[in-house]
Amino acid sequence: MAGKITVTKAEGTWVVRAGGAVLGESRDALELCEDGYPPVIYFPRDDIAMAFLDETDHRTHCPHKGDASYFSIVTKSRTLDNVVWSYETPEEGVARIKGYLAFQPSDFVTVEKV
């Protein structure tokens, strides 16, 4: 069972890159902390270059956050499948993340404070 979840403003400026290219930069990002998991930065959709994201049919459900929809990142050299997610109708306790996007860090995707 998941523990407490908090959503707060992520202080400072945050950037997300895929394959070295900047997909977005935001001073309005949110940080979601869930007991037992590393913090996740959520970016406002308006701060992301949505032209590089393709929505997929992949969906997951979290009893604490709701139903997540997924996007793939399309770069010049590859497609990174289902590495971006969003809660369009999140549960009441995390309603602030509605419409925000989170990115799965990897060798090709980085999320960092600048």
C-alpha atoms as a PDB file:
ATOM      1  CA  MET A   1       0.000   0.000   0.000  1.00  0.00           C
ATOM      2  CA  ALA A   2       1.351   3.432  -0.893  1.00  0.00           C
ATOM      3  CA  GLY A   3       1.943   5.947   1.837  1.00  0.00           C
ATOM      4  CA  LYS A   4       1.439   9.649   1.885  1.00  0.00           C
ATOM      5  CA  ILE A   5       1.563  11.627  -1.379  1.00  0.00           C
ATOM      6  CA  THR A   6       2.388  15.333  -1.449  1.00  0.00           C
ATOM      7  CA  VAL A   7       2.420  17.749  -4.380  1.00  0.00           C
ATOM      8  CA  THR A   8       4.366  20.983  -4.011  1.00  0.00           C
ATOM      9  CA  LYS A   9       5.821  23.636  -6.278  1.00  0.00           C
ATOM     10  CA  ALA A  10       9.237  22.504  -7.529  1.00  0.00           C
ATOM     11  CA  GLU A  11      11.501  25.415  -6.653  1.00  0.00           C
ATOM     12  CA  GLY A  12      13.672  26.913  -9.371  1.00  0.00           C
ATOM     13  CA  THR A  13      13.810  26.199 -13.088  1.00  0.00           C
ATOM     14  CA  TRP A  14      13.482  22.633 -14.372  1.00  0.00           C
ATOM     15  CA  VAL A  15      14.395  21.308 -17.808  1.00  0.00           C
ATOM     16  CA  VAL A  16      13.627  18.039 -19.604  1.00  0.00           C
ATOM     17  CA  ARG A  17      15.809  16.792 -22.452  1.00  0.00           C
ATOM     18  CA  ALA A  18      15.531  13.838 -24.814  1.00  0.00           C
ATOM     19  CA  GLY A  19      18.587  12.788 -26.766  1.00  0.00           C
ATOM     20  CA  GLY A  20      20.233  16.066 -25.709  1.00  0.00           C
ATOM     21  CA  ALA A  21      17.463  18.264 -27.188  1.00  0.00           C
ATOM     22  CA  VAL A  22      15.475  20.440 -24.798  1.00  0.00           C
ATOM     23  CA  LEU A  23      11.795  19.424 -24.787  1.00  0.00           C
ATOM     24  CA  GLY A  24      10.790  21.926 -22.167  1.00  0.00           C
ATOM     25  CA  GLU A  25      11.814  24.299 -19.426  1.00  0.00           C
ATOM     26  CA  SER A  26       9.615  25.493 -16.579  1.00  0.00           C
ATOM     27  CA  ARG A  27       9.584  27.628 -13.475  1.00  0.00           C
ATOM     28  CA  ASP A  28       6.079  26.282 -12.741  1.00  0.00           C
ATOM     29  CA  ALA A  29       6.883  22.572 -12.336  1.00  0.00           C
ATOM     30  CA  LEU A  30       5.413  20.512  -9.511  1.00  0.00           C
ATOM     31  CA  GLU A  31       7.134  17.885  -7.382  1.00  0.00           C
ATOM     32  CA  LEU A  32       5.161  14.801  -6.405  1.00  0.00           C
ATOM     33  CA  CYS A  33       6.570  12.840  -3.466  1.00  0.00           C
ATOM     34  CA  GLU A  34       5.129   9.426  -2.700  1.00  0.00           C
ATOM     35  CA  ASP A  35       6.409   7.325   0.201  1.00  0.00           C
ATOM     36  CA  GLY A  36       8.704   4.579  -1.088  1.00  0.00           C
ATOM     37  CA  TYR A  37       9.380   6.226  -4.467  1.00  0.00           C
ATOM     38  CA  PRO A  38      11.791   8.895  -5.713  1.00  0.00           C
ATOM     39  CA  PRO A  39      10.243  12.352  -6.246  1.00  0.00           C
ATOM     40  CA  VAL A  40       8.741  12.985  -9.700  1.00  0.00           C
ATOM     41  CA  ILE A  41       8.763  16.372 -11.431  1.00  0.00           C
ATOM     42  CA  TYR A  42       5.606  17.267 -13.361  1.00  0.00           C
ATOM     43  CA  PHE A  43       5.814  19.916 -16.098  1.00  0.00           C
ATOM     44  CA  PRO A  44       2.926  22.133 -17.229  1.00  0.00           C
ATOM     45  CA  ARG A  45       1.906  21.010 -20.697  1.00  0.00           C
ATOM     46  CA  ASP A  46       2.265  24.586 -22.015  1.00  0.00           C
ATOM     47  CA  ASP A  47       5.997  24.466 -21.176  1.00  0.00           C
ATOM     48  CA  ILE A  48       6.654  21.317 -23.250  1.00  0.00           C
ATOM     49  CA  ALA A  49       7.251  21.089 -27.020  1.00  0.00           C
ATOM     50  CA  MET A  50       4.241  18.844 -27.609  1.00  0.00           C
ATOM     51  CA  ALA A  51       5.175  18.409 -31.299  1.00  0.00           C
ATOM     52  CA  PHE A  52       7.759  15.831 -30.121  1.00  0.00           C
ATOM     53  CA  LEU A  53       5.209  13.766 -28.184  1.00  0.00           C
ATOM     54  CA  ASP A  54       2.800  11.213 -29.622  1.00  0.00           C
ATOM     55  CA  GLU A  55      -0.023   9.971 -27.408  1.00  0.00           C
ATOM     56  CA  THR A  56      -0.183   6.174 -27.235  1.00  0.00           C
ATOM     57  CA  ASP A  57      -2.924   3.702 -26.304  1.00  0.00           C
ATOM     58  CA  HIS A  58      -1.003   2.650 -23.169  1.00  0.00           C
ATOM     59  CA  ARG A  59      -2.826   3.302 -19.877  1.00  0.00           C
ATOM     60  CA  THR A  60      -2.169   2.441 -16.249  1.00  0.00           C
ATOM     61  CA  HIS A  61      -4.130   2.885 -13.043  1.00  0.00           C
ATOM     62  CA  CYS A  62      -2.875   3.974  -9.629  1.00  0.00           C
ATOM     63  CA  PRO A  63      -5.416   3.764  -6.808  1.00  0.00           C
ATOM     64  CA  HIS A  64      -3.919   6.917  -5.274  1.00  0.00           C
ATOM     65  CA  LYS A  65      -3.426   9.070  -8.381  1.00  0.00           C
ATOM     66  CA  GLY A  66      -5.942   7.738 -10.913  1.00  0.00           C
ATOM     67  CA  ASP A  67      -5.649   6.720 -14.562  1.00  0.00           C
ATOM     68  CA  ALA A  68      -2.491   7.706 -16.449  1.00  0.00           C
ATOM     69  CA  SER A  69      -2.279   8.199 -20.182  1.00  0.00           C
ATOM     70  CA  TYR A  70       1.076   7.891 -21.951  1.00  0.00           C
ATOM     71  CA  PHE A  71       3.090   9.541 -24.698  1.00  0.00           C
ATOM     72  CA  SER A  72       6.146   8.512 -26.668  1.00  0.00           C
ATOM     73  CA  ILE A  73       8.929  10.968 -27.466  1.00  0.00           C
ATOM     74  CA  VAL A  74       9.880  11.105 -31.139  1.00  0.00           C
ATOM     75  CA  THR A  75      13.466  12.264 -31.753  1.00  0.00           C
ATOM     76  CA  LYS A  76      15.467  12.401 -34.977  1.00  0.00           C
ATOM     77  CA  SER A  77      17.090   9.059 -34.242  1.00  0.00           C
ATOM     78  CA  ARG A  78      14.505   7.063 -32.272  1.00  0.00           C
ATOM     79  CA  THR A  79      11.107   6.811 -30.648  1.00  0.00           C
ATOM     80  CA  LEU A  80      11.088   6.453 -26.878  1.00  0.00           C
ATOM     81  CA  ASP A  81       7.896   4.521 -26.169  1.00  0.00           C
ATOM     82  CA  ASN A  82       5.634   5.400 -23.243  1.00  0.00           C
ATOM     83  CA  VAL A  83       8.205   7.477 -21.317  1.00  0.00           C
ATOM     84  CA  VAL A  84       5.838  10.386 -20.613  1.00  0.00           C
ATOM     85  CA  TRP A  85       2.629  10.192 -18.599  1.00  0.00           C
ATOM     86  CA  SER A  86      -0.194  12.440 -17.532  1.00  0.00           C
ATOM     87  CA  TYR A  87      -3.184  12.215 -15.202  1.00  0.00           C
ATOM     88  CA  GLU A  88      -6.082  13.934 -16.956  1.00  0.00           C
ATOM     89  CA  THR A  89      -8.550  13.223 -14.160  1.00  0.00           C
ATOM     90  CA  PRO A  90      -6.397  12.632 -11.062  1.00  0.00           C
ATOM     91  CA  GLU A  91      -7.740  11.676  -7.672  1.00  0.00           C
ATOM     92  CA  GLU A  92      -8.739  14.571  -5.422  1.00  0.00           C
ATOM     93  CA  GLY A  93      -5.609  14.423  -3.231  1.00  0.00           C
ATOM     94  CA  VAL A  94      -3.312  15.042  -6.224  1.00  0.00           C
ATOM     95  CA  ALA A  95      -5.607  17.252  -8.310  1.00  0.00           C
ATOM     96  CA  ARG A  96      -2.793  19.786  -8.871  1.00  0.00           C
ATOM     97  CA  ILE A  97      -1.079  17.445 -11.386  1.00  0.00           C
ATOM     98  CA  LYS A  98      -4.067  17.472 -13.764  1.00  0.00           C
ATOM     99  CA  GLY A  99      -2.793  18.080 -17.285  1.00  0.00           C
ATOM    100  CA  TYR A 100       0.865  18.116 -16.221  1.00  0.00           C
ATOM    101  CA  LEU A 101       3.420  15.760 -17.781  1.00  0.00           C
ATOM    102  CA  ALA A 102       6.000  13.558 -16.068  1.00  0.00           C
ATOM    103  CA  PHE A 103       9.012  12.008 -17.802  1.00  0.00           C
ATOM    104  CA  GLN A 104      10.764   8.706 -17.055  1.00  0.00           C
ATOM    105  CA  PRO A 105      14.483   9.480 -16.700  1.00  0.00           C
ATOM    106  CA  SER A 106      16.819   7.170 -18.612  1.00  0.00           C
ATOM    107  CA  ASP A 107      20.005   7.237 -20.671  1.00  0.00           C
ATOM    108  CA  PHE A 108      18.027   9.245 -23.263  1.00  0.00           C
ATOM    109  CA  VAL A 109      15.715  11.366 -21.079  1.00  0.00           C
ATOM    110  CA  THR A 110      16.930  13.715 -18.345  1.00  0.00           C
ATOM    111  CA  VAL A 111      14.982  15.876 -15.913  1.00  0.00           C
ATOM    112  CA  GLU A 112      17.065  18.340 -13.951  1.00  0.00           C
ATOM    113  CA  LYS A 113      17.038  21.584 -12.056  1.00  0.00           C
ATOM    114  CA  VAL A 114      19.094  24.291 -13.805  1.00  0.00           C
END
